[in-house]
Amino acid sequence: MSVKENAAISLLLELLESRYALRVLWALKDGHPQTFRLLQDSIGHITPNTLNTRIKQLRAAGLLGHGEKGYTVTPLGADLLKRLNDLQAFAGKWAVSQTKVSAASAPQPA
């Protein structure tokens, strides 16, 4: 991987590692616009200040837009979510494996 490619992935990961950034995008993955309040409710446990900060960052990055009906992902944001969609399938498999690991490491009755 080139230095330029490393820099690009580092910048993207830095943005997505920001608290709630992925949750904001994920809440909008169905393509339906959401108002600030609805978005806050969709995410849960996010303060208005934090949500406002994430929205500003994601809009500046070109991943989120705002129209008459509320916030939506941009075509670039939709492309990112499409690529992250495999994460949902992986998460299901991972959760099952974690359950098996927990069961295997649990103390056995005597």
C-alpha atoms as a PDB file:
ATOM      1  CA  MET A   1       0.000   0.000   0.000  1.00  0.00           C
ATOM      2  CA  SER A   2       1.363   3.392  -0.965  1.00  0.00           C
ATOM      3  CA  VAL A   3       1.970   6.251   1.431  1.00  0.00           C
ATOM      4  CA  LYS A   4      -0.923   8.131  -0.176  1.00  0.00           C
ATOM      5  CA  GLU A   5      -3.281   5.153   0.322  1.00  0.00           C
ATOM      6  CA  ASN A   6      -2.132   4.774   3.936  1.00  0.00           C
ATOM      7  CA  ALA A   7      -2.815   8.455   4.573  1.00  0.00           C
ATOM      8  CA  ALA A   8      -6.306   8.192   3.070  1.00  0.00           C
ATOM      9  CA  ILE A   9      -7.295   5.151   5.144  1.00  0.00           C
ATOM     10  CA  SER A  10      -5.836   6.774   8.259  1.00  0.00           C
ATOM     11  CA  LEU A  11      -7.942   9.889   7.709  1.00  0.00           C
ATOM     12  CA  LEU A  12     -11.097   7.855   7.101  1.00  0.00           C
ATOM     13  CA  LEU A  13     -10.531   5.653  10.140  1.00  0.00           C
ATOM     14  CA  GLU A  14      -9.832   8.697  12.288  1.00  0.00           C
ATOM     15  CA  LEU A  15     -13.190  10.154  11.271  1.00  0.00           C
ATOM     16  CA  LEU A  16     -15.093   6.890  11.728  1.00  0.00           C
ATOM     17  CA  GLU A  17     -13.445   6.232  15.095  1.00  0.00           C
ATOM     18  CA  SER A  18     -14.968   9.440  16.437  1.00  0.00           C
ATOM     19  CA  ARG A  19     -17.572   8.612  19.022  1.00  0.00           C
ATOM     20  CA  TYR A  20     -20.944   7.829  17.380  1.00  0.00           C
ATOM     21  CA  ALA A  21     -19.771   8.643  13.834  1.00  0.00           C
ATOM     22  CA  LEU A  22     -20.539   5.170  12.520  1.00  0.00           C
ATOM     23  CA  ARG A  23     -23.809   5.074  14.433  1.00  0.00           C
ATOM     24  CA  VAL A  24     -24.932   8.313  12.769  1.00  0.00           C
ATOM     25  CA  LEU A  25     -24.197   6.877   9.334  1.00  0.00           C
ATOM     26  CA  TRP A  26     -25.718   3.509  10.202  1.00  0.00           C
ATOM     27  CA  ALA A  27     -28.938   5.158  11.430  1.00  0.00           C
ATOM     28  CA  LEU A  28     -29.314   6.681   7.955  1.00  0.00           C
ATOM     29  CA  LYS A  29     -28.454   3.566   5.950  1.00  0.00           C
ATOM     30  CA  ASP A  30     -32.042   2.972   4.812  1.00  0.00           C
ATOM     31  CA  GLY A  31     -31.866   6.180   2.779  1.00  0.00           C
ATOM     32  CA  HIS A  32     -34.796   7.884   4.522  1.00  0.00           C
ATOM     33  CA  PRO A  33     -34.137  11.456   5.723  1.00  0.00           C
ATOM     34  CA  GLN A  34     -34.200  12.015   9.464  1.00  0.00           C
ATOM     35  CA  THR A  35     -34.592  15.215  11.421  1.00  0.00           C
ATOM     36  CA  PHE A  36     -32.067  16.026  14.140  1.00  0.00           C
ATOM     37  CA  ARG A  37     -34.458  14.800  16.844  1.00  0.00           C
ATOM     38  CA  LEU A  38     -35.344  11.581  15.020  1.00  0.00           C
ATOM     39  CA  LEU A  39     -31.676  10.918  14.347  1.00  0.00           C
ATOM     40  CA  GLN A  40     -30.889  11.458  18.011  1.00  0.00           C
ATOM     41  CA  ASP A  41     -33.650   9.012  18.980  1.00  0.00           C
ATOM     42  CA  SER A  42     -32.445   6.485  16.383  1.00  0.00           C
ATOM     43  CA  ILE A  43     -28.940   6.507  17.820  1.00  0.00           C
ATOM     44  CA  GLY A  44     -29.865   6.669  21.499  1.00  0.00           C
ATOM     45  CA  HIS A  45     -27.682   7.920  24.354  1.00  0.00           C
ATOM     46  CA  ILE A  46     -26.088  10.683  22.291  1.00  0.00           C
ATOM     47  CA  THR A  47     -26.114  14.249  23.537  1.00  0.00           C
ATOM     48  CA  PRO A  48     -27.313  16.997  21.197  1.00  0.00           C
ATOM     49  CA  ASN A  49     -23.856  18.575  21.332  1.00  0.00           C
ATOM     50  CA  THR A  50     -22.105  15.349  20.314  1.00  0.00           C
ATOM     51  CA  LEU A  51     -24.617  14.692  17.539  1.00  0.00           C
ATOM     52  CA  ASN A  52     -24.212  18.215  16.225  1.00  0.00           C
ATOM     53  CA  THR A  53     -20.421  17.812  16.198  1.00  0.00           C
ATOM     54  CA  ARG A  54     -20.613  14.470  14.358  1.00  0.00           C
ATOM     55  CA  ILE A  55     -23.074  15.870  11.815  1.00  0.00           C
ATOM     56  CA  LYS A  56     -20.725  18.784  11.099  1.00  0.00           C
ATOM     57  CA  GLN A  57     -17.756  16.434  10.688  1.00  0.00           C
ATOM     58  CA  LEU A  58     -19.619  13.988   8.461  1.00  0.00           C
ATOM     59  CA  ARG A  59     -21.018  16.814   6.322  1.00  0.00           C
ATOM     60  CA  ALA A  60     -17.540  18.342   5.968  1.00  0.00           C
ATOM     61  CA  ALA A  61     -16.267  14.913   4.894  1.00  0.00           C
ATOM     62  CA  GLY A  62     -18.969  14.691   2.225  1.00  0.00           C
ATOM     63  CA  LEU A  63     -20.658  11.652   3.766  1.00  0.00           C
ATOM     64  CA  LEU A  64     -23.790  13.360   5.062  1.00  0.00           C
ATOM     65  CA  GLY A  65     -26.108  15.973   3.624  1.00  0.00           C
ATOM     66  CA  HIS A  66     -29.148  17.927   4.729  1.00  0.00           C
ATOM     67  CA  GLY A  67     -32.281  18.593   2.744  1.00  0.00           C
ATOM     68  CA  GLU A  68     -35.829  19.789   3.364  1.00  0.00           C
ATOM     69  CA  LYS A  69     -36.825  16.567   5.131  1.00  0.00           C
ATOM     70  CA  GLY A  70     -33.698  16.085   7.216  1.00  0.00           C
ATOM     71  CA  TYR A  71     -30.296  14.453   7.146  1.00  0.00           C
ATOM     72  CA  THR A  72     -29.362  11.797   4.592  1.00  0.00           C
ATOM     73  CA  VAL A  73     -26.210  10.090   3.458  1.00  0.00           C
ATOM     74  CA  THR A  74     -24.673  11.450   0.274  1.00  0.00           C
ATOM     75  CA  PRO A  75     -23.816   9.141  -2.635  1.00  0.00           C
ATOM     76  CA  LEU A  76     -20.319   8.918  -1.151  1.00  0.00           C
ATOM     77  CA  GLY A  77     -21.770   8.036   2.258  1.00  0.00           C
ATOM     78  CA  ALA A  78     -24.026   5.425   0.644  1.00  0.00           C
ATOM     79  CA  ASP A  79     -20.980   3.902  -1.043  1.00  0.00           C
ATOM     80  CA  LEU A  80     -19.216   3.663   2.323  1.00  0.00           C
ATOM     81  CA  LEU A  81     -22.280   2.055   3.938  1.00  0.00           C
ATOM     82  CA  LYS A  82     -22.530  -0.412   1.066  1.00  0.00           C
ATOM     83  CA  ARG A  83     -18.949  -1.432   1.728  1.00  0.00           C
ATOM     84  CA  LEU A  84     -19.629  -1.697   5.469  1.00  0.00           C
ATOM     85  CA  ASN A  85     -22.722  -3.838   4.898  1.00  0.00           C
ATOM     86  CA  ASP A  86     -20.597  -6.968   5.111  1.00  0.00           C
ATOM     87  CA  LEU A  87     -19.820  -5.899   8.657  1.00  0.00           C
ATOM     88  CA  GLN A  88     -23.391  -6.743   9.677  1.00  0.00           C
ATOM     89  CA  ALA A  89     -23.052 -10.331   8.429  1.00  0.00           C
ATOM     90  CA  PHE A  90     -19.647 -10.631  10.091  1.00  0.00           C
ATOM     91  CA  ALA A  91     -21.034  -9.238  13.375  1.00  0.00           C
ATOM     92  CA  GLY A  92     -23.656 -11.992  13.472  1.00  0.00           C
ATOM     93  CA  LYS A  93     -21.042 -14.706  12.976  1.00  0.00           C
ATOM     94  CA  TRP A  94     -18.733 -13.070  15.491  1.00  0.00           C
ATOM     95  CA  ALA A  95     -21.480 -12.838  18.136  1.00  0.00           C
ATOM     96  CA  VAL A  96     -22.204 -16.567  17.759  1.00  0.00           C
ATOM     97  CA  SER A  97     -18.507 -17.374  18.114  1.00  0.00           C
ATOM     98  CA  GLN A  98     -18.296 -15.229  21.250  1.00  0.00           C
ATOM     99  CA  THR A  99     -21.224 -17.105  22.780  1.00  0.00           C
ATOM    100  CA  LYS A 100     -19.427 -20.399  22.086  1.00  0.00           C
ATOM    101  CA  VAL A 101     -16.185 -19.054  23.579  1.00  0.00           C
ATOM    102  CA  SER A 102     -18.037 -17.864  26.698  1.00  0.00           C
ATOM    103  CA  ALA A 103     -19.796 -21.217  27.079  1.00  0.00           C
ATOM    104  CA  ALA A 104     -16.544 -23.140  26.647  1.00  0.00           C
ATOM    105  CA  SER A 105     -14.724 -21.051  29.256  1.00  0.00           C
ATOM    106  CA  ALA A 106     -17.530 -21.163  31.820  1.00  0.00           C
ATOM    107  CA  PRO A 107     -16.841 -23.318  34.887  1.00  0.00           C
ATOM    108  CA  GLN A 108     -18.255 -26.809  34.506  1.00  0.00           C
ATOM    109  CA  PRO A 109     -20.504 -28.150  37.293  1.00  0.00           C
ATOM    110  CA  ALA A 110     -18.844 -30.711  39.509  1.00  0.00           C
END
